[in-house]
């Protein structure tokens, strides 16, 4: 049993290191994906919507579709929503809004929320791994105390074991706390992306209804 507990230390440290690296990887990946999905600035978004409005006023639906499917825009959420709306513009405004909401939820938010959920999992798991290391170390320390009367125990060695046991909890918190803050930052960015896309799609739908009613 003691040999298993002694091996648990390196295993737990390795698990914490992997968890920390994967958490940072998810944060970086999410930030990059959000940057790809949103416009670089509100001015750029307004310019794009103005170009779309001008083409809609001329009933140039193919031109709008080609613009949305061009390299500067094909990775962004709003142009892809507009492209989808143009392909289903015969569905009627209410049904079309519902379809757009479902597509945004399915194609954009689902992937972002999936990655974000892994950050939350790591935040919850890291302190538990640290606590497991502490419990394992304390069990070994108390086992040495139990046999102290038979062979004697070096107090400095015992203190070192307890220190290392507590260190795993500190490591778990060191992983969890920054990832909690980074996860909150990412969640705010996801919320801003959602608000921006909803606003842009609402403007487009107004322009599309005006173009179709002419």
N, C-alpha and C. Protein backbone atom coordinates (compact mmCIF):
# COMPACT_ATOMS: atom_id res chain seq x y z
N UNK A 1 0.83 -1.21 0.00
CA UNK A 1 0.00 0.00 0.00
C UNK A 1 0.86 1.26 0.00
N UNK A 2 1.93 1.23 0.83
CA UNK A 2 2.81 2.40 0.90
C UNK A 2 3.49 2.68 -0.43
N UNK A 3 3.86 1.61 -1.14
CA UNK A 3 4.51 1.82 -2.43
C UNK A 3 3.57 2.49 -3.43
N UNK A 4 2.27 2.12 -3.36
CA UNK A 4 1.28 2.76 -4.23
C UNK A 4 1.16 4.23 -3.90
N UNK A 5 1.12 4.54 -2.60
CA UNK A 5 0.99 5.94 -2.18
C UNK A 5 2.23 6.74 -2.56
N UNK A 6 3.41 6.12 -2.48
CA UNK A 6 4.63 6.82 -2.85
C UNK A 6 4.66 7.13 -4.35
N UNK A 7 4.13 6.21 -5.15
CA UNK A 7 4.08 6.44 -6.60
C UNK A 7 2.99 7.44 -6.98
N UNK A 8 2.01 7.64 -6.09
CA UNK A 8 0.90 8.53 -6.42
C UNK A 8 1.36 9.98 -6.56
N UNK A 9 2.42 10.35 -5.83
CA UNK A 9 2.92 11.73 -5.90
C UNK A 9 3.31 12.15 -7.30
N UNK A 10 4.28 11.43 -7.93
CA UNK A 10 4.66 11.79 -9.30
C UNK A 10 3.50 11.73 -10.29
N UNK A 11 2.61 10.75 -10.10
CA UNK A 11 1.46 10.63 -11.01
C UNK A 11 0.56 11.86 -10.89
N UNK A 12 0.32 12.30 -9.66
CA UNK A 12 -0.55 13.46 -9.44
C UNK A 12 0.09 14.73 -10.00
N UNK A 13 1.41 14.89 -9.77
CA UNK A 13 2.10 16.06 -10.33
C UNK A 13 2.01 16.07 -11.86
N UNK A 14 2.19 14.89 -12.46
CA UNK A 14 2.09 14.80 -13.92
C UNK A 14 0.69 15.14 -14.40
N UNK A 15 -0.33 14.62 -13.68
CA UNK A 15 -1.72 14.90 -14.05
C UNK A 15 -2.02 16.39 -13.93
N UNK A 16 -1.52 17.04 -12.90
CA UNK A 16 -1.73 18.48 -12.73
C UNK A 16 -1.06 19.26 -13.86
N UNK A 17 0.14 18.82 -14.24
CA UNK A 17 0.84 19.50 -15.33
C UNK A 17 0.09 19.37 -16.65
N UNK A 18 -0.40 18.16 -16.92
CA UNK A 18 -1.17 17.95 -18.16
C UNK A 18 -2.45 18.76 -18.14
N UNK A 19 -3.13 18.78 -16.99
CA UNK A 19 -4.37 19.54 -16.87
C UNK A 19 -4.13 21.03 -17.11
N UNK A 20 -3.03 21.54 -16.53
CA UNK A 20 -2.72 22.96 -16.70
C UNK A 20 -2.44 23.28 -18.17
N UNK A 21 -1.66 22.44 -18.84
CA UNK A 21 -1.33 22.67 -20.25
C UNK A 21 -2.57 22.59 -21.12
N UNK A 22 -3.44 21.62 -20.87
CA UNK A 22 -4.64 21.49 -21.68
C UNK A 22 -5.60 22.65 -21.43
N UNK A 23 -5.67 23.10 -20.18
CA UNK A 23 -6.51 24.25 -19.88
C UNK A 23 -6.05 25.50 -20.61
N UNK A 24 -4.74 25.74 -20.60
CA UNK A 24 -4.21 26.90 -21.32
C UNK A 24 -4.43 26.74 -22.82
N UNK A 25 -4.27 25.52 -23.33
CA UNK A 25 -4.51 25.26 -24.75
C UNK A 25 -5.96 25.60 -25.12
N UNK A 26 -6.91 25.19 -24.28
CA UNK A 26 -8.33 25.48 -24.55
C UNK A 26 -8.59 26.98 -24.52
N UNK A 27 -7.98 27.69 -23.59
CA UNK A 27 -8.16 29.14 -23.51
C UNK A 27 -7.63 29.81 -24.78
N UNK A 28 -6.41 29.45 -25.18
CA UNK A 28 -5.81 30.05 -26.39
C UNK A 28 -6.65 29.72 -27.62
N UNK A 29 -7.09 28.46 -27.71
CA UNK A 29 -7.90 28.05 -28.86
C UNK A 29 -9.22 28.81 -28.92
N UNK A 30 -9.85 28.98 -27.76
CA UNK A 30 -11.12 29.70 -27.71
C UNK A 30 -10.95 31.17 -28.11
N UNK A 31 -9.90 31.80 -27.61
CA UNK A 31 -9.66 33.20 -27.95
C UNK A 31 -9.45 33.35 -29.45
N UNK A 32 -8.69 32.43 -30.05
CA UNK A 32 -8.45 32.48 -31.50
C UNK A 32 -9.75 32.27 -32.28
N UNK A 33 -10.55 31.31 -31.84
CA UNK A 33 -11.81 31.03 -32.53
C UNK A 33 -12.76 32.23 -32.44
N UNK A 34 -12.83 32.85 -31.27
CA UNK A 34 -13.71 34.01 -31.11
C UNK A 34 -13.24 35.16 -31.99
N UNK A 35 -11.93 35.36 -32.06
CA UNK A 35 -11.39 36.41 -32.93
C UNK A 35 -11.73 36.14 -34.39
N UNK A 36 -11.72 34.87 -34.78
CA UNK A 36 -12.06 34.53 -36.16
C UNK A 36 -13.54 34.77 -36.44
N UNK A 37 -14.38 34.54 -35.45
CA UNK A 37 -15.83 34.64 -35.66
C UNK A 37 -16.35 36.07 -35.62
N UNK A 38 -15.63 36.98 -35.00
CA UNK A 38 -16.12 38.34 -34.87
C UNK A 38 -15.35 39.29 -35.78
N UNK A 39 -15.92 40.46 -36.01
CA UNK A 39 -15.23 41.49 -36.78
C UNK A 39 -14.14 42.12 -35.92
N UNK A 40 -13.13 42.64 -36.60
CA UNK A 40 -12.01 43.23 -35.87
C UNK A 40 -12.42 44.48 -35.10
N UNK A 41 -13.44 45.17 -35.58
CA UNK A 41 -13.93 46.38 -34.90
C UNK A 41 -15.38 46.61 -35.30
N UNK A 42 -16.04 47.48 -34.56
CA UNK A 42 -17.43 47.82 -34.89
C UNK A 42 -17.50 48.58 -36.21
N UNK A 43 -16.45 49.33 -36.50
CA UNK A 43 -16.41 50.05 -37.78
C UNK A 43 -16.40 49.08 -38.96
N UNK A 44 -15.61 48.01 -38.83
CA UNK A 44 -15.56 46.99 -39.88
C UNK A 44 -16.92 46.32 -40.05
N UNK A 45 -17.60 46.06 -38.93
CA UNK A 45 -18.92 45.45 -39.00
C UNK A 45 -19.92 46.38 -39.69
N UNK A 46 -19.87 47.66 -39.34
CA UNK A 46 -20.78 48.63 -39.96
C UNK A 46 -20.52 48.76 -41.45
N UNK A 47 -19.25 48.74 -41.85
CA UNK A 47 -18.91 48.82 -43.26
C UNK A 47 -19.45 47.61 -44.02
N UNK A 48 -19.31 46.44 -43.41
CA UNK A 48 -19.82 45.23 -44.04
C UNK A 48 -21.34 45.29 -44.19
N UNK A 49 -22.03 45.69 -43.13
CA UNK A 49 -23.49 45.77 -43.19
C UNK A 49 -23.96 46.83 -44.18
N UNK A 50 -23.21 47.92 -44.31
CA UNK A 50 -23.55 48.95 -45.31
C UNK A 50 -23.41 48.38 -46.73
N UNK A 51 -22.35 47.60 -46.96
CA UNK A 51 -22.17 46.98 -48.27
C UNK A 51 -23.31 46.00 -48.57
N UNK A 52 -23.69 45.25 -47.56
CA UNK A 52 -24.80 44.30 -47.73
C UNK A 52 -26.09 45.05 -48.03
N UNK A 53 -26.33 46.13 -47.30
CA UNK A 53 -27.56 46.91 -47.50
C UNK A 53 -27.62 47.47 -48.93
N UNK A 54 -26.49 47.97 -49.41
CA UNK A 54 -26.46 48.52 -50.76
C UNK A 54 -26.78 47.47 -51.81
N UNK A 55 -26.28 46.25 -51.64
CA UNK A 55 -26.56 45.20 -52.60
C UNK A 55 -28.01 44.73 -52.48
N UNK A 56 -28.53 44.71 -51.25
CA UNK A 56 -29.92 44.30 -51.07
C UNK A 56 -30.88 45.30 -51.72
N UNK A 57 -30.55 46.58 -51.62
CA UNK A 57 -31.40 47.59 -52.24
C UNK A 57 -31.48 47.40 -53.75
N UNK A 58 -30.42 46.83 -54.32
CA UNK A 58 -30.42 46.52 -55.76
C UNK A 58 -30.92 45.11 -56.03
N UNK A 59 -31.36 44.42 -54.95
CA UNK A 59 -31.84 43.04 -55.03
C UNK A 59 -30.77 42.11 -55.63
N UNK A 60 -29.52 42.43 -55.31
CA UNK A 60 -28.41 41.62 -55.78
C UNK A 60 -28.09 40.57 -54.72
N UNK A 61 -28.96 39.57 -54.58
CA UNK A 61 -28.80 38.55 -53.54
C UNK A 61 -27.57 37.68 -53.80
N UNK A 62 -27.30 37.41 -55.07
CA UNK A 62 -26.10 36.62 -55.39
C UNK A 62 -24.83 37.38 -55.01
N UNK A 63 -24.85 38.69 -55.23
CA UNK A 63 -23.69 39.49 -54.86
C UNK A 63 -23.44 39.47 -53.36
N UNK A 64 -24.53 39.53 -52.58
CA UNK A 64 -24.39 39.45 -51.12
C UNK A 64 -23.84 38.09 -50.72
N UNK A 65 -24.36 37.03 -51.35
CA UNK A 65 -23.89 35.68 -51.04
C UNK A 65 -22.41 35.52 -51.39
N UNK A 66 -22.01 36.03 -52.55
CA UNK A 66 -20.61 35.94 -52.94
C UNK A 66 -19.70 36.71 -51.98
N UNK A 67 -20.16 37.87 -51.52
CA UNK A 67 -19.37 38.65 -50.59
C UNK A 67 -19.22 37.92 -49.25
N UNK A 68 -20.32 37.33 -48.77
CA UNK A 68 -20.27 36.62 -47.49
C UNK A 68 -19.39 35.38 -47.57
N UNK A 69 -19.29 34.80 -48.77
CA UNK A 69 -18.51 33.58 -48.95
C UNK A 69 -17.10 33.85 -49.45
N UNK A 70 -16.68 35.11 -49.40
CA UNK A 70 -15.33 35.48 -49.83
C UNK A 70 -14.35 35.32 -48.67
N UNK A 71 -13.03 35.20 -48.96
CA UNK A 71 -12.04 34.95 -47.91
C UNK A 71 -12.07 35.89 -46.70
N UNK A 72 -12.32 37.20 -46.88
CA UNK A 72 -12.32 38.04 -45.68
C UNK A 72 -13.45 37.73 -44.70
N UNK A 73 -14.51 37.06 -45.16
CA UNK A 73 -15.70 36.92 -44.32
C UNK A 73 -16.15 35.49 -44.06
N UNK A 74 -15.60 34.49 -44.77
CA UNK A 74 -16.21 33.16 -44.66
C UNK A 74 -16.00 32.50 -43.30
N UNK A 75 -15.07 33.01 -42.48
CA UNK A 75 -14.88 32.43 -41.16
C UNK A 75 -15.63 33.18 -40.07
N UNK A 76 -16.28 34.29 -40.42
CA UNK A 76 -16.96 35.12 -39.42
C UNK A 76 -18.42 34.70 -39.28
N UNK A 77 -18.93 34.87 -38.08
CA UNK A 77 -20.27 34.35 -37.76
C UNK A 77 -21.37 35.12 -38.49
N UNK A 78 -21.32 36.44 -38.47
CA UNK A 78 -22.40 37.23 -39.08
C UNK A 78 -22.54 36.97 -40.58
N UNK A 79 -21.46 37.02 -41.38
CA UNK A 79 -21.62 36.70 -42.80
C UNK A 79 -22.17 35.30 -43.05
N UNK A 80 -21.78 34.33 -42.22
CA UNK A 80 -22.29 32.98 -42.42
C UNK A 80 -23.78 32.89 -42.09
N UNK A 81 -24.21 33.65 -41.08
CA UNK A 81 -25.64 33.70 -40.77
C UNK A 81 -26.42 34.35 -41.92
N UNK A 82 -25.84 35.40 -42.50
CA UNK A 82 -26.49 36.09 -43.63
C UNK A 82 -26.57 35.16 -44.83
N UNK A 83 -25.48 34.44 -45.09
CA UNK A 83 -25.47 33.50 -46.22
C UNK A 83 -26.55 32.43 -46.04
N UNK A 84 -26.68 31.93 -44.83
CA UNK A 84 -27.71 30.92 -44.54
C UNK A 84 -29.11 31.52 -44.72
N UNK A 85 -29.28 32.77 -44.27
CA UNK A 85 -30.58 33.42 -44.40
C UNK A 85 -30.96 33.62 -45.86
N UNK A 86 -30.00 33.97 -46.69
CA UNK A 86 -30.30 34.18 -48.11
C UNK A 86 -30.75 32.89 -48.79
N UNK A 87 -30.15 31.77 -48.37
CA UNK A 87 -30.52 30.49 -48.96
C UNK A 87 -31.92 30.04 -48.53
N UNK A 88 -32.43 30.62 -47.44
CA UNK A 88 -33.74 30.22 -46.93
C UNK A 88 -34.68 31.43 -46.80
N UNK A 89 -34.47 32.41 -47.66
CA UNK A 89 -35.25 33.65 -47.53
C UNK A 89 -36.72 33.47 -47.88
N UNK A 90 -37.06 32.33 -48.46
CA UNK A 90 -38.46 32.08 -48.80
C UNK A 90 -39.26 31.53 -47.63
N UNK A 91 -38.63 31.34 -46.48
CA UNK A 91 -39.29 30.75 -45.33
C UNK A 91 -40.17 31.74 -44.56
N UNK A 92 -40.01 33.02 -44.79
CA UNK A 92 -40.75 34.01 -44.01
C UNK A 92 -39.92 34.52 -42.85
N UNK A 93 -40.13 35.77 -42.42
CA UNK A 93 -39.27 36.40 -41.40
C UNK A 93 -39.22 35.64 -40.08
N UNK A 94 -40.38 35.25 -39.54
CA UNK A 94 -40.40 34.60 -38.23
C UNK A 94 -39.68 33.25 -38.25
N UNK A 95 -40.00 32.44 -39.26
CA UNK A 95 -39.35 31.14 -39.37
C UNK A 95 -37.86 31.30 -39.62
N UNK A 96 -37.51 32.30 -40.43
CA UNK A 96 -36.10 32.52 -40.75
C UNK A 96 -35.31 32.92 -39.51
N UNK A 97 -35.89 33.77 -38.68
CA UNK A 97 -35.21 34.16 -37.44
C UNK A 97 -34.99 32.94 -36.55
N UNK A 98 -35.96 32.07 -36.49
CA UNK A 98 -35.82 30.86 -35.69
C UNK A 98 -34.72 29.96 -36.23
N UNK A 99 -34.68 29.82 -37.55
CA UNK A 99 -33.63 29.00 -38.17
C UNK A 99 -32.25 29.58 -37.93
N UNK A 100 -32.15 30.89 -37.99
CA UNK A 100 -30.85 31.53 -37.76
C UNK A 100 -30.39 31.33 -36.32
N UNK A 101 -31.32 31.45 -35.38
CA UNK A 101 -30.96 31.25 -33.97
C UNK A 101 -30.49 29.82 -33.74
N UNK A 102 -31.17 28.86 -34.35
CA UNK A 102 -30.78 27.46 -34.20
C UNK A 102 -29.41 27.19 -34.83
N UNK A 103 -29.17 27.77 -36.00
CA UNK A 103 -27.89 27.56 -36.67
C UNK A 103 -26.75 28.18 -35.88
N UNK A 104 -26.96 29.38 -35.34
CA UNK A 104 -25.92 30.02 -34.54
C UNK A 104 -25.61 29.17 -33.31
N UNK A 105 -26.66 28.67 -32.68
CA UNK A 105 -26.48 27.83 -31.49
C UNK A 105 -25.73 26.55 -31.85
N UNK A 106 -26.06 25.97 -32.99
CA UNK A 106 -25.50 24.67 -33.37
C UNK A 106 -24.09 24.79 -33.93
N UNK A 107 -23.86 25.76 -34.80
CA UNK A 107 -22.59 25.82 -35.53
C UNK A 107 -21.53 26.68 -34.87
N UNK A 108 -21.94 27.63 -34.06
CA UNK A 108 -20.98 28.56 -33.44
C UNK A 108 -20.87 28.34 -31.93
N UNK A 109 -21.99 28.52 -31.25
CA UNK A 109 -21.94 28.45 -29.78
C UNK A 109 -21.62 27.06 -29.26
N UNK A 110 -22.12 26.02 -29.92
CA UNK A 110 -21.93 24.66 -29.41
C UNK A 110 -20.44 24.32 -29.28
N UNK A 111 -19.65 24.66 -30.30
CA UNK A 111 -18.22 24.36 -30.27
C UNK A 111 -17.51 25.19 -29.20
N UNK A 112 -17.88 26.46 -29.09
CA UNK A 112 -17.25 27.32 -28.09
C UNK A 112 -17.60 26.84 -26.67
N UNK A 113 -18.86 26.49 -26.45
CA UNK A 113 -19.27 26.03 -25.12
C UNK A 113 -18.64 24.69 -24.78
N UNK A 114 -18.44 23.86 -25.78
CA UNK A 114 -17.79 22.57 -25.54
C UNK A 114 -16.36 22.77 -25.03
N UNK A 115 -15.61 23.62 -25.70
CA UNK A 115 -14.25 23.90 -25.26
C UNK A 115 -14.24 24.57 -23.89
N UNK A 116 -15.19 25.48 -23.69
CA UNK A 116 -15.24 26.18 -22.41
C UNK A 116 -15.59 25.23 -21.27
N UNK A 117 -16.38 24.22 -21.55
CA UNK A 117 -16.74 23.25 -20.51
C UNK A 117 -15.52 22.49 -20.02
N UNK A 118 -14.53 22.27 -20.91
CA UNK A 118 -13.31 21.60 -20.49
C UNK A 118 -12.52 22.46 -19.51
N UNK A 119 -12.54 23.76 -19.71
CA UNK A 119 -11.86 24.65 -18.76
C UNK A 119 -12.51 24.52 -17.39
N UNK A 120 -13.86 24.51 -17.36
CA UNK A 120 -14.57 24.34 -16.10
C UNK A 120 -14.26 23.01 -15.44
N UNK A 121 -14.13 21.96 -16.25
CA UNK A 121 -13.80 20.64 -15.70
C UNK A 121 -12.42 20.63 -15.06
N UNK A 122 -11.46 21.26 -15.72
CA UNK A 122 -10.10 21.32 -15.17
C UNK A 122 -10.08 22.15 -13.89
N UNK A 123 -10.83 23.24 -13.87
CA UNK A 123 -10.89 24.09 -12.66
C UNK A 123 -11.41 23.29 -11.48
N UNK A 124 -12.38 22.42 -11.71
CA UNK A 124 -12.94 21.62 -10.63
C UNK A 124 -12.04 20.44 -10.26
N UNK A 125 -11.32 19.90 -11.24
CA UNK A 125 -10.53 18.70 -11.01
C UNK A 125 -9.18 18.99 -10.36
N UNK A 126 -8.55 20.10 -10.73
CA UNK A 126 -7.20 20.40 -10.24
C UNK A 126 -7.12 20.45 -8.70
N UNK A 127 -8.03 21.16 -8.01
CA UNK A 127 -7.95 21.15 -6.54
C UNK A 127 -8.17 19.76 -5.95
N UNK A 128 -9.02 18.95 -6.60
CA UNK A 128 -9.25 17.60 -6.08
C UNK A 128 -8.01 16.73 -6.25
N UNK A 129 -7.29 16.90 -7.38
CA UNK A 129 -6.03 16.19 -7.54
C UNK A 129 -5.02 16.62 -6.49
N UNK A 130 -4.97 17.93 -6.24
CA UNK A 130 -4.08 18.42 -5.20
C UNK A 130 -4.42 17.87 -3.84
N UNK A 131 -5.71 17.80 -3.54
CA UNK A 131 -6.15 17.25 -2.26
C UNK A 131 -5.83 15.77 -2.15
N UNK A 132 -5.96 15.05 -3.26
CA UNK A 132 -5.59 13.64 -3.27
C UNK A 132 -4.11 13.45 -2.95
N UNK A 133 -3.27 14.31 -3.53
CA UNK A 133 -1.85 14.23 -3.22
C UNK A 133 -1.56 14.54 -1.76
N UNK A 134 -2.29 15.51 -1.20
CA UNK A 134 -2.11 15.85 0.21
C UNK A 134 -2.52 14.69 1.11
N UNK A 135 -3.66 14.08 0.81
CA UNK A 135 -4.12 12.95 1.61
C UNK A 135 -3.14 11.79 1.54
N UNK A 136 -2.64 11.51 0.33
CA UNK A 136 -1.67 10.42 0.17
C UNK A 136 -0.40 10.69 0.97
N UNK A 137 0.08 11.93 0.88
CA UNK A 137 1.29 12.29 1.63
C UNK A 137 1.09 12.24 3.13
N UNK A 138 -0.07 12.67 3.59
CA UNK A 138 -0.33 12.65 5.03
C UNK A 138 -0.46 11.21 5.53
N UNK A 139 -1.03 10.33 4.72
CA UNK A 139 -1.11 8.92 5.11
C UNK A 139 0.29 8.35 5.30
N UNK A 140 1.19 8.65 4.37
CA UNK A 140 2.56 8.17 4.49
C UNK A 140 3.25 8.77 5.72
N UNK A 141 2.99 10.06 5.97
CA UNK A 141 3.62 10.71 7.12
C UNK A 141 3.15 10.08 8.43
N UNK A 142 1.84 9.84 8.54
CA UNK A 142 1.32 9.22 9.77
C UNK A 142 1.76 7.77 9.89
N UNK A 143 1.99 7.10 8.76
CA UNK A 143 2.51 5.74 8.82
C UNK A 143 3.91 5.72 9.42
N UNK A 144 4.70 6.73 9.09
CA UNK A 144 6.05 6.83 9.67
C UNK A 144 5.99 7.13 11.16
N UNK A 145 5.02 7.95 11.55
CA UNK A 145 4.85 8.24 12.97
C UNK A 145 4.47 6.98 13.72
N UNK A 146 3.65 6.13 13.08
CA UNK A 146 3.18 4.91 13.73
C UNK A 146 4.32 3.96 14.04
N UNK A 147 5.35 3.96 13.18
CA UNK A 147 6.48 3.04 13.40
C UNK A 147 7.65 3.76 14.06
N UNK A 148 7.43 4.95 14.57
CA UNK A 148 8.54 5.74 15.13
C UNK A 148 9.13 5.06 16.36
N UNK A 149 8.28 4.39 17.15
CA UNK A 149 8.78 3.76 18.37
C UNK A 149 9.65 2.56 18.07
N UNK A 150 9.46 1.94 16.90
CA UNK A 150 10.24 0.75 16.57
C UNK A 150 11.63 1.12 16.04
N UNK A 151 11.68 1.99 15.08
CA UNK A 151 12.97 2.30 14.47
C UNK A 151 13.37 3.75 14.55
N UNK A 152 12.48 4.61 15.05
CA UNK A 152 12.78 6.03 15.13
C UNK A 152 12.50 6.74 13.82
N UNK A 153 12.13 7.99 13.93
CA UNK A 153 11.79 8.77 12.74
C UNK A 153 12.52 10.10 12.79
N UNK A 154 13.12 10.46 11.67
CA UNK A 154 13.81 11.73 11.58
C UNK A 154 12.78 12.84 11.44
N UNK A 155 12.72 13.77 12.41
CA UNK A 155 11.70 14.83 12.33
C UNK A 155 11.80 15.67 11.06
N UNK A 156 13.02 15.92 10.61
CA UNK A 156 13.16 16.71 9.39
C UNK A 156 12.61 15.97 8.17
N UNK A 157 12.80 14.66 8.13
CA UNK A 157 12.26 13.87 7.03
C UNK A 157 10.74 13.86 7.08
N UNK A 158 10.19 13.77 8.28
CA UNK A 158 8.74 13.78 8.44
C UNK A 158 8.17 15.13 8.02
N UNK A 159 8.83 16.22 8.42
CA UNK A 159 8.38 17.55 8.03
C UNK A 159 8.45 17.74 6.51
N UNK A 160 9.46 17.14 5.90
CA UNK A 160 9.59 17.25 4.45
C UNK A 160 8.44 16.54 3.75
N UNK A 161 8.07 15.37 4.27
CA UNK A 161 6.95 14.62 3.69
C UNK A 161 5.64 15.40 3.80
N UNK A 162 5.41 16.00 4.97
CA UNK A 162 4.18 16.78 5.16
C UNK A 162 4.18 18.01 4.26
N UNK A 163 5.36 18.64 4.12
CA UNK A 163 5.47 19.82 3.27
C UNK A 163 5.14 19.48 1.82
N UNK A 164 5.69 18.35 1.34
CA UNK A 164 5.41 17.93 -0.03
C UNK A 164 3.94 17.57 -0.20
N UNK A 165 3.34 16.99 0.85
CA UNK A 165 1.93 16.64 0.78
C UNK A 165 1.07 17.88 0.62
N UNK A 166 1.36 18.91 1.40
CA UNK A 166 0.59 20.15 1.30
C UNK A 166 0.88 20.90 0.01
N UNK A 167 2.07 20.69 -0.53
CA UNK A 167 2.44 21.39 -1.76
C UNK A 167 1.53 20.99 -2.93
N UNK A 168 1.04 19.75 -2.94
CA UNK A 168 0.16 19.34 -4.03
C UNK A 168 -1.15 20.12 -4.02
N UNK A 169 -1.66 20.42 -2.83
CA UNK A 169 -2.87 21.24 -2.76
C UNK A 169 -2.60 22.63 -3.31
N UNK A 170 -1.44 23.19 -2.95
CA UNK A 170 -1.07 24.50 -3.48
C UNK A 170 -0.95 24.46 -5.01
N UNK A 171 -0.41 23.38 -5.53
CA UNK A 171 -0.28 23.25 -6.98
C UNK A 171 -1.67 23.17 -7.64
N UNK A 172 -2.57 22.43 -7.02
CA UNK A 172 -3.93 22.33 -7.56
C UNK A 172 -4.61 23.68 -7.61
N UNK A 173 -4.46 24.46 -6.55
CA UNK A 173 -5.06 25.80 -6.53
C UNK A 173 -4.36 26.73 -7.52
N UNK A 174 -3.05 26.55 -7.69
CA UNK A 174 -2.30 27.36 -8.64
C UNK A 174 -2.79 27.13 -10.07
N UNK A 175 -3.20 25.90 -10.36
CA UNK A 175 -3.75 25.60 -11.68
C UNK A 175 -5.17 26.14 -11.80
N UNK A 176 -5.98 25.95 -10.75
CA UNK A 176 -7.42 26.26 -10.83
C UNK A 176 -7.70 27.76 -10.84
N UNK A 177 -7.01 28.54 -10.03
CA UNK A 177 -7.35 29.96 -9.88
C UNK A 177 -7.12 30.74 -11.19
N UNK A 178 -5.93 30.64 -11.82
CA UNK A 178 -5.77 31.38 -13.09
C UNK A 178 -6.75 30.91 -14.17
N UNK A 179 -7.01 29.59 -14.23
CA UNK A 179 -7.93 29.10 -15.25
C UNK A 179 -9.36 29.58 -14.97
N UNK A 180 -9.70 29.77 -13.71
CA UNK A 180 -11.01 30.33 -13.39
C UNK A 180 -11.15 31.74 -13.96
N UNK A 181 -10.12 32.55 -13.77
CA UNK A 181 -10.14 33.92 -14.29
C UNK A 181 -10.13 33.92 -15.81
N UNK A 182 -9.30 33.07 -16.41
CA UNK A 182 -9.25 33.01 -17.88
C UNK A 182 -10.57 32.49 -18.45
N UNK A 183 -11.17 31.51 -17.77
CA UNK A 183 -12.46 31.01 -18.22
C UNK A 183 -13.54 32.07 -18.17
N UNK A 184 -13.52 32.90 -17.11
CA UNK A 184 -14.48 34.00 -17.02
C UNK A 184 -14.26 35.01 -18.14
N UNK A 185 -13.00 35.29 -18.45
CA UNK A 185 -12.69 36.22 -19.54
C UNK A 185 -13.22 35.68 -20.87
N UNK A 186 -13.01 34.40 -21.10
CA UNK A 186 -13.49 33.78 -22.34
C UNK A 186 -15.01 33.82 -22.40
N UNK A 187 -15.67 33.57 -21.27
CA UNK A 187 -17.13 33.59 -21.25
C UNK A 187 -17.67 34.98 -21.59
N UNK A 188 -16.99 36.01 -21.12
CA UNK A 188 -17.39 37.38 -21.46
C UNK A 188 -17.25 37.61 -22.97
N UNK A 189 -16.17 37.11 -23.55
CA UNK A 189 -15.96 37.28 -24.99
C UNK A 189 -17.02 36.52 -25.79
N UNK A 190 -17.40 35.35 -25.32
CA UNK A 190 -18.46 34.59 -25.99
C UNK A 190 -19.77 35.37 -25.92
N UNK A 191 -20.05 35.96 -24.75
CA UNK A 191 -21.26 36.77 -24.61
C UNK A 191 -21.26 37.98 -25.53
N UNK A 192 -20.11 38.64 -25.65
CA UNK A 192 -20.03 39.80 -26.55
C UNK A 192 -20.20 39.38 -28.01
N UNK A 193 -19.63 38.23 -28.37
CA UNK A 193 -19.80 37.72 -29.73
C UNK A 193 -21.27 37.45 -30.02
N UNK A 194 -21.96 36.82 -29.07
CA UNK A 194 -23.38 36.52 -29.24
C UNK A 194 -24.20 37.79 -29.40
N UNK A 195 -23.93 38.77 -28.56
CA UNK A 195 -24.68 40.04 -28.64
C UNK A 195 -24.43 40.73 -29.98
N UNK A 196 -23.17 40.73 -30.43
CA UNK A 196 -22.84 41.40 -31.69
C UNK A 196 -23.52 40.71 -32.87
N UNK A 197 -23.48 39.38 -32.89
CA UNK A 197 -24.10 38.65 -34.00
C UNK A 197 -25.61 38.87 -34.01
N UNK A 198 -26.23 38.84 -32.85
CA UNK A 198 -27.67 39.07 -32.77
C UNK A 198 -28.03 40.46 -33.29
N UNK A 199 -27.23 41.45 -32.93
CA UNK A 199 -27.49 42.81 -33.40
C UNK A 199 -27.30 42.92 -34.91
N UNK A 200 -26.23 42.35 -35.41
CA UNK A 200 -25.96 42.43 -36.85
C UNK A 200 -27.01 41.68 -37.66
N UNK A 201 -27.41 40.51 -37.19
CA UNK A 201 -28.43 39.74 -37.91
C UNK A 201 -29.77 40.47 -37.88
N UNK A 202 -30.07 41.13 -36.77
CA UNK A 202 -31.32 41.89 -36.69
C UNK A 202 -31.33 43.02 -37.71
N UNK A 203 -30.20 43.71 -37.85
CA UNK A 203 -30.11 44.78 -38.86
C UNK A 203 -30.26 44.20 -40.26
N UNK A 204 -29.60 43.08 -40.52
CA UNK A 204 -29.71 42.46 -41.84
C UNK A 204 -31.15 42.03 -42.14
N UNK A 205 -31.81 41.44 -41.15
CA UNK A 205 -33.18 40.97 -41.37
C UNK A 205 -34.11 42.14 -41.72
N UNK A 206 -33.89 43.28 -41.08
CA UNK A 206 -34.69 44.46 -41.41
C UNK A 206 -34.45 44.87 -42.86
N UNK A 207 -33.18 44.88 -43.26
CA UNK A 207 -32.86 45.26 -44.64
C UNK A 207 -33.37 44.22 -45.64
N UNK A 208 -33.31 42.95 -45.27
CA UNK A 208 -33.78 41.89 -46.16
C UNK A 208 -35.30 41.97 -46.35
N UNK A 209 -36.03 42.22 -45.27
CA UNK A 209 -37.48 42.34 -45.38
C UNK A 209 -37.85 43.53 -46.25
N UNK A 210 -37.09 44.61 -46.11
CA UNK A 210 -37.37 45.79 -46.96
C UNK A 210 -37.10 45.48 -48.43
N UNK A 211 -36.02 44.72 -48.70
CA UNK A 211 -35.69 44.38 -50.09
C UNK A 211 -36.72 43.43 -50.68
N UNK A 212 -37.19 42.48 -49.89
CA UNK A 212 -38.16 41.51 -50.41
C UNK A 212 -39.54 42.11 -50.59
N UNK A 213 -39.83 43.17 -49.86
CA UNK A 213 -41.16 43.79 -49.96
C UNK A 213 -41.26 44.76 -51.12
N UNK A 214 -40.11 45.15 -51.68
CA UNK A 214 -40.13 46.08 -52.80
C UNK A 214 -40.70 45.43 -54.06
